[in-house]
Each structure stands twice: as structure tokens, then as C-alpha cells.
Amino acid sequence: MSKTESYKLNAQVAGLMWLLAIVVGIVGAIFLGEYQQAETNVAFFSQNETGILIGSLLFFSMALITANIAIFLYPVLKKYNESIALSAVGFRLIETALFSVGALLFIAVLIASNAYVAAGSPADTTYQILVHTFLSMNEMTGVLATFAFNAGAFMYCYIFFRTTLVPKWLGVFGLIVTLMGFASSFLGLFGITDISLFLELPTMFFEIAIGVWLIVKGFNQEVLTSLSQE
């Protein structure tokens, strides 16, 4: 396989991973978002074990998918700036680790809920405290994972913008939405979720756009050639 074909494959796989991450993430959020609001009813989690297991598995899968985006983009992005490209990979791996921890925390909630039901639903508040703690930790890991995601994405988009490996408007769009994502994560630290969700929404449109572009068009071959000669 020639380098040109290899880079085209890298672009297509990264694009596919971007789109797949959106689908898996949305479905996972549909499953787990409902349960995150039910911490006062400890038995609720045990009663919905299948849904929680599916949602946790989806979030874990999404974490692995996003890591692969970084891995497949790295051979191309390093041609412009290896340190930035490597840092982007690092932030993506941090994001992957944090989302994986978040998925495991939902499993911990389920274990605590099952233990509560098995114990005959005692009046003791220990189980409720555990569930509340695990859910709070899950929320915090989600915010930190979003910080890491936006840091990595900003680096990708910076390289896209500077090199025009993809159309410049896509690079500009990406830089804008990642800055909005940083603002969203900052507000999330203080529990301001309504505005936070509004700021995160454009990220999905960017990821759809970049994913489709990379699958259909790939990277600009003239730019790749010029970067390879530098």
C-alpha cells in the first residue's frame, strides 16, 4: 500500500470513528441520562439493571472509539507538528480513561443498588450515600473528560486550519466549537447544565461534518505532499 493510499485509509477510518462515536455516545446518554436523575431511589438502579449495563458498555465503547480517532490521525498530523499531534493523542487517551472510569462508576452504582435490594431495602442511608457519591464522581469524570476532549480536538482543528488538510472553514468551525466546549465544561463544574448543553450542541454538527468529509474526500493530497517534503 502506497503512502497516499495509507493516508486516505487513515482519513476514512478516523471519519468513520467520528460518526460512530456520535451514535454510540448519544445512545449511551439516552440510557444513562435517565438513571443519573434517580439517585434518591436506590432500588431503581437494580430494577433497571439491563439498561444500565447496556449504557455503561456503550460509554466504554465510545471511549475506545475516540482513542482510535487520535491514533489514526497521528501519522498525518505529525507531519505538520509532531509535538501538537502527540499531545492531541495524549488528551484523547486521558478522555478515554476518564469516560471508562465514568462507565465503571455506573457499574458501582448498580452493585450498590443490588446490595441494597438484597439486604431488604434497609432504612440505613449508607446505600443512598454510596449511590450519590458514585453518581457525583461520574458527573465529575464526565466534565473532566470533556475538558480533555476539547483540548485534543482544539489541537486537531488548529492543524487543520493551519495546513488546510481539510477545507479551512472546517478548521475554523472546529476551533469555534471547541472553545464553546471549554466554556461548557467550565460551566458544568458549577452545575450550570442548561447553558452547558446548548454550548455543546454545535460540537455534534462539527463532528458530523468532519466525519463525512474525511470519509468522502479524505485529506488534501497537495497539502500532504508539501508537508512530506518539508
Protein backbone atom coordinates (compact mmCIF):
# COMPACT_ATOMS: atom_id res chain seq x y z
CA MET A 1 0.00 0.00 0.00
CA SER A 2 1.40 3.41 -1.01
CA LYS A 3 1.64 6.29 1.46
CA THR A 4 -1.13 8.10 -0.39
CA GLU A 5 -3.46 5.11 -0.04
CA SER A 6 -2.41 4.68 3.60
CA TYR A 7 -3.21 8.30 4.47
CA LYS A 8 -6.54 8.04 2.66
CA LEU A 9 -7.37 4.97 4.72
CA ASN A 10 -6.35 6.82 7.88
CA ALA A 11 -8.71 9.65 6.99
CA GLN A 12 -11.61 7.32 6.22
CA VAL A 13 -11.19 5.28 9.40
CA ALA A 14 -10.92 8.45 11.52
CA GLY A 15 -14.04 9.84 9.84
CA LEU A 16 -15.94 6.61 10.43
CA MET A 17 -14.83 6.58 14.08
CA TRP A 18 -16.03 10.16 14.49
CA LEU A 19 -19.51 9.31 13.23
CA LEU A 20 -19.65 6.06 15.19
CA ALA A 21 -18.63 7.86 18.39
CA ILE A 22 -21.56 10.27 17.95
CA VAL A 23 -24.10 7.48 17.53
CA VAL A 24 -22.75 5.36 20.38
CA GLY A 25 -22.42 8.40 22.67
CA ILE A 26 -25.97 9.60 22.04
CA VAL A 27 -27.49 6.17 22.59
CA GLY A 28 -25.38 5.72 25.75
CA ALA A 29 -26.51 9.12 27.04
CA ILE A 30 -30.15 8.19 26.42
CA PHE A 31 -29.70 5.08 28.53
CA LEU A 32 -27.68 6.57 31.38
CA GLY A 33 -29.01 10.13 31.48
CA GLU A 34 -32.33 8.88 32.81
CA TYR A 35 -30.70 6.92 35.62
CA GLN A 36 -28.45 9.78 36.72
CA GLN A 37 -31.51 11.65 37.97
CA ALA A 38 -32.80 8.80 40.15
CA GLU A 39 -30.28 8.77 43.00
CA THR A 40 -32.96 9.18 45.68
CA ASN A 41 -34.49 5.83 44.69
CA VAL A 42 -31.66 3.39 45.34
CA ALA A 43 -33.67 0.35 44.24
CA PHE A 44 -34.39 1.98 40.87
CA PHE A 45 -30.96 1.02 39.53
CA SER A 46 -31.35 -2.63 40.46
CA GLN A 47 -34.74 -2.66 38.78
CA ASN A 48 -33.19 -1.33 35.57
CA GLU A 49 -30.02 -3.41 35.54
CA THR A 50 -30.10 -4.32 31.85
CA GLY A 51 -30.39 -0.72 30.70
CA ILE A 52 -27.54 0.40 32.95
CA LEU A 53 -25.29 -2.39 31.74
CA ILE A 54 -26.04 -1.55 28.10
CA GLY A 55 -25.49 2.17 28.67
CA SER A 56 -22.22 1.57 30.52
CA LEU A 57 -20.98 -0.71 27.75
CA LEU A 58 -21.86 1.91 25.14
CA PHE A 59 -19.97 4.63 27.02
CA PHE A 60 -16.96 2.35 27.37
CA SER A 61 -17.15 1.59 23.64
CA MET A 62 -17.34 5.30 22.84
CA ALA A 63 -14.21 5.87 24.92
CA LEU A 64 -12.30 3.28 22.88
CA ILE A 65 -13.61 4.69 19.61
CA THR A 66 -12.46 8.24 20.40
CA ALA A 67 -8.98 6.93 21.23
CA ASN A 68 -8.79 5.38 17.76
CA ILE A 69 -9.58 8.73 16.16
CA ALA A 70 -6.35 10.09 17.63
CA ILE A 71 -4.36 7.03 16.66
CA PHE A 72 -5.40 7.14 13.01
CA LEU A 73 -4.94 10.91 12.68
CA TYR A 74 -1.50 10.98 14.27
CA PRO A 75 0.58 9.71 11.29
CA VAL A 76 -0.80 12.57 9.19
CA LEU A 77 -0.93 15.40 11.74
CA LYS A 78 2.63 14.79 12.94
CA LYS A 79 3.87 15.92 9.53
CA TYR A 80 2.91 19.46 10.47
CA ASN A 81 3.85 19.42 14.15
CA GLU A 82 4.71 16.19 15.92
CA SER A 83 4.50 17.61 19.45
CA ILE A 84 1.00 19.01 18.88
CA ALA A 85 -0.13 15.78 17.23
CA LEU A 86 1.29 13.71 20.08
CA SER A 87 -0.32 16.00 22.68
CA ALA A 88 -3.66 15.53 20.92
CA VAL A 89 -3.24 11.76 21.24
CA GLY A 90 -2.41 12.20 24.92
CA PHE A 91 -5.55 14.23 25.62
CA ARG A 92 -7.67 11.71 23.73
CA LEU A 93 -6.23 8.89 25.85
CA ILE A 94 -6.98 10.90 29.01
CA GLU A 95 -10.53 11.37 27.74
CA THR A 96 -10.78 7.63 27.08
CA ALA A 97 -9.57 6.80 30.59
CA LEU A 98 -11.98 9.24 32.24
CA PHE A 99 -15.03 8.06 30.27
CA SER A 100 -14.06 4.47 31.08
CA VAL A 101 -13.93 5.34 34.78
CA GLY A 102 -17.32 7.00 34.41
CA ALA A 103 -18.76 3.81 32.94
CA LEU A 104 -17.29 1.78 35.80
CA LEU A 105 -18.84 4.17 38.32
CA PHE A 106 -22.28 3.38 36.91
CA ILE A 107 -21.49 -0.29 37.42
CA ALA A 108 -20.55 0.59 41.02
CA VAL A 109 -23.94 2.29 41.41
CA LEU A 110 -25.62 -0.87 40.15
CA ILE A 111 -23.65 -3.05 42.58
CA ALA A 112 -24.63 -0.81 45.50
CA SER A 113 -28.26 -0.87 44.40
CA ASN A 114 -28.29 -4.66 44.10
CA ALA A 115 -26.77 -4.94 47.57
CA TYR A 116 -29.44 -2.58 48.90
CA VAL A 117 -32.25 -4.71 47.45
CA ALA A 118 -30.59 -7.95 48.63
CA ALA A 119 -30.39 -6.50 52.14
CA GLY A 120 -34.16 -5.93 52.15
CA SER A 121 -34.07 -2.19 51.38
CA PRO A 122 -32.95 -1.10 54.87
CA ALA A 123 -33.68 2.37 56.24
CA ASP A 124 -29.95 2.88 56.72
CA THR A 125 -28.78 5.72 54.45
CA THR A 126 -25.41 4.12 53.72
CA TYR A 127 -26.51 2.77 50.33
CA GLN A 128 -28.03 6.09 49.31
CA ILE A 129 -24.81 7.89 50.25
CA LEU A 130 -22.82 5.41 48.17
CA VAL A 131 -25.09 5.86 45.16
CA HIS A 132 -24.94 9.65 45.49
CA THR A 133 -21.15 9.56 45.77
CA PHE A 134 -20.68 7.32 42.74
CA LEU A 135 -23.05 9.43 40.63
CA SER A 136 -21.29 12.65 41.69
CA MET A 137 -17.94 11.13 40.78
CA ASN A 138 -19.38 10.04 37.44
CA GLU A 139 -20.55 13.58 36.74
CA MET A 140 -17.12 15.00 37.59
CA THR A 141 -15.27 12.49 35.40
CA GLY A 142 -17.63 13.45 32.57
CA VAL A 143 -16.76 17.13 32.94
CA LEU A 144 -13.02 16.40 33.07
CA ALA A 145 -13.29 14.05 30.10
CA THR A 146 -14.98 16.84 28.15
CA PHE A 147 -12.10 19.18 29.01
CA ALA A 148 -9.65 16.58 27.67
CA PHE A 149 -11.79 16.02 24.58
CA ASN A 150 -11.88 19.72 23.73
CA ALA A 151 -8.14 20.11 24.34
CA GLY A 152 -7.38 17.29 21.90
CA ALA A 153 -9.95 18.49 19.38
CA PHE A 154 -8.60 22.05 19.51
CA MET A 155 -5.17 20.74 18.53
CA TYR A 156 -6.60 18.78 15.59
CA CYS A 157 -8.54 21.79 14.41
CA TYR A 158 -5.55 24.09 14.79
CA ILE A 159 -3.54 21.84 12.47
CA PHE A 160 -6.49 21.55 10.08
CA PHE A 161 -6.75 25.34 9.99
CA ARG A 162 -3.03 25.99 9.54
CA THR A 163 -2.48 23.33 6.89
CA THR A 164 -5.85 23.13 5.06
CA LEU A 165 -5.63 19.33 5.14
CA VAL A 166 -9.39 19.80 5.13
CA PRO A 167 -11.22 22.96 4.00
CA LYS A 168 -10.28 26.00 6.07
CA TRP A 169 -13.91 26.59 7.06
CA LEU A 170 -13.94 23.20 8.76
CA GLY A 171 -10.84 24.12 10.75
CA VAL A 172 -12.39 27.45 11.79
CA PHE A 173 -15.67 25.74 12.69
CA GLY A 174 -13.77 23.23 14.81
CA LEU A 175 -11.81 25.90 16.66
CA ILE A 176 -15.01 27.78 17.48
CA VAL A 177 -16.92 24.75 18.74
CA THR A 178 -14.01 23.54 20.88
CA LEU A 179 -13.79 26.96 22.54
CA MET A 180 -17.53 26.73 23.18
CA GLY A 181 -16.89 23.24 24.57
CA PHE A 182 -14.31 24.61 27.01
CA ALA A 183 -16.89 27.15 28.20
CA SER A 184 -19.46 24.37 28.54
CA SER A 185 -17.11 22.25 30.66
CA PHE A 186 -16.28 25.23 32.87
CA LEU A 187 -19.98 25.91 33.48
CA GLY A 188 -20.50 22.19 34.12
CA LEU A 189 -18.09 22.39 37.05
CA PHE A 190 -20.61 24.67 38.75
CA GLY A 191 -23.63 22.58 37.84
CA ILE A 192 -24.89 25.00 35.17
CA THR A 193 -26.15 22.38 32.76
CA ASP A 194 -28.80 24.15 30.65
CA ILE A 195 -26.40 26.61 29.01
CA SER A 196 -23.72 23.92 29.03
CA LEU A 197 -25.78 21.61 26.81
CA PHE A 198 -26.54 24.48 24.43
CA LEU A 199 -22.81 25.22 24.06
CA GLU A 200 -22.00 21.55 23.40
CA LEU A 201 -24.58 21.07 20.64
CA PRO A 202 -22.51 22.62 17.79
CA THR A 203 -19.76 20.07 18.51
CA MET A 204 -22.00 17.32 17.19
CA PHE A 205 -22.54 19.18 13.90
CA PHE A 206 -18.80 19.70 13.52
CA GLU A 207 -18.08 16.03 14.16
CA ILE A 208 -20.68 15.00 11.60
CA ALA A 209 -19.18 17.43 9.07
CA ILE A 210 -15.55 16.38 9.62
CA GLY A 211 -16.51 12.70 9.74
CA VAL A 212 -18.38 12.81 6.43
CA TRP A 213 -15.67 14.93 4.81
CA LEU A 214 -12.86 12.55 5.78
CA ILE A 215 -14.80 9.50 4.58
CA VAL A 216 -15.78 11.05 1.24
CA LYS A 217 -12.89 13.39 0.42
CA GLY A 218 -10.05 12.48 2.77
CA PHE A 219 -7.10 14.83 3.25
CA ASN A 220 -5.95 17.38 0.72
CA GLN A 221 -3.29 15.46 -1.20
CA GLU A 222 -1.42 18.59 -2.32
CA VAL A 223 -1.05 19.68 1.30
CA LEU A 224 0.07 16.20 2.32
CA THR A 225 2.70 16.21 -0.39
CA SER A 226 4.03 19.62 0.62
CA LEU A 227 4.16 18.63 4.30
CA SER A 228 6.04 15.44 3.42
CA GLN A 229 8.68 17.47 1.56
CA GLU A 230 9.35 19.89 4.41
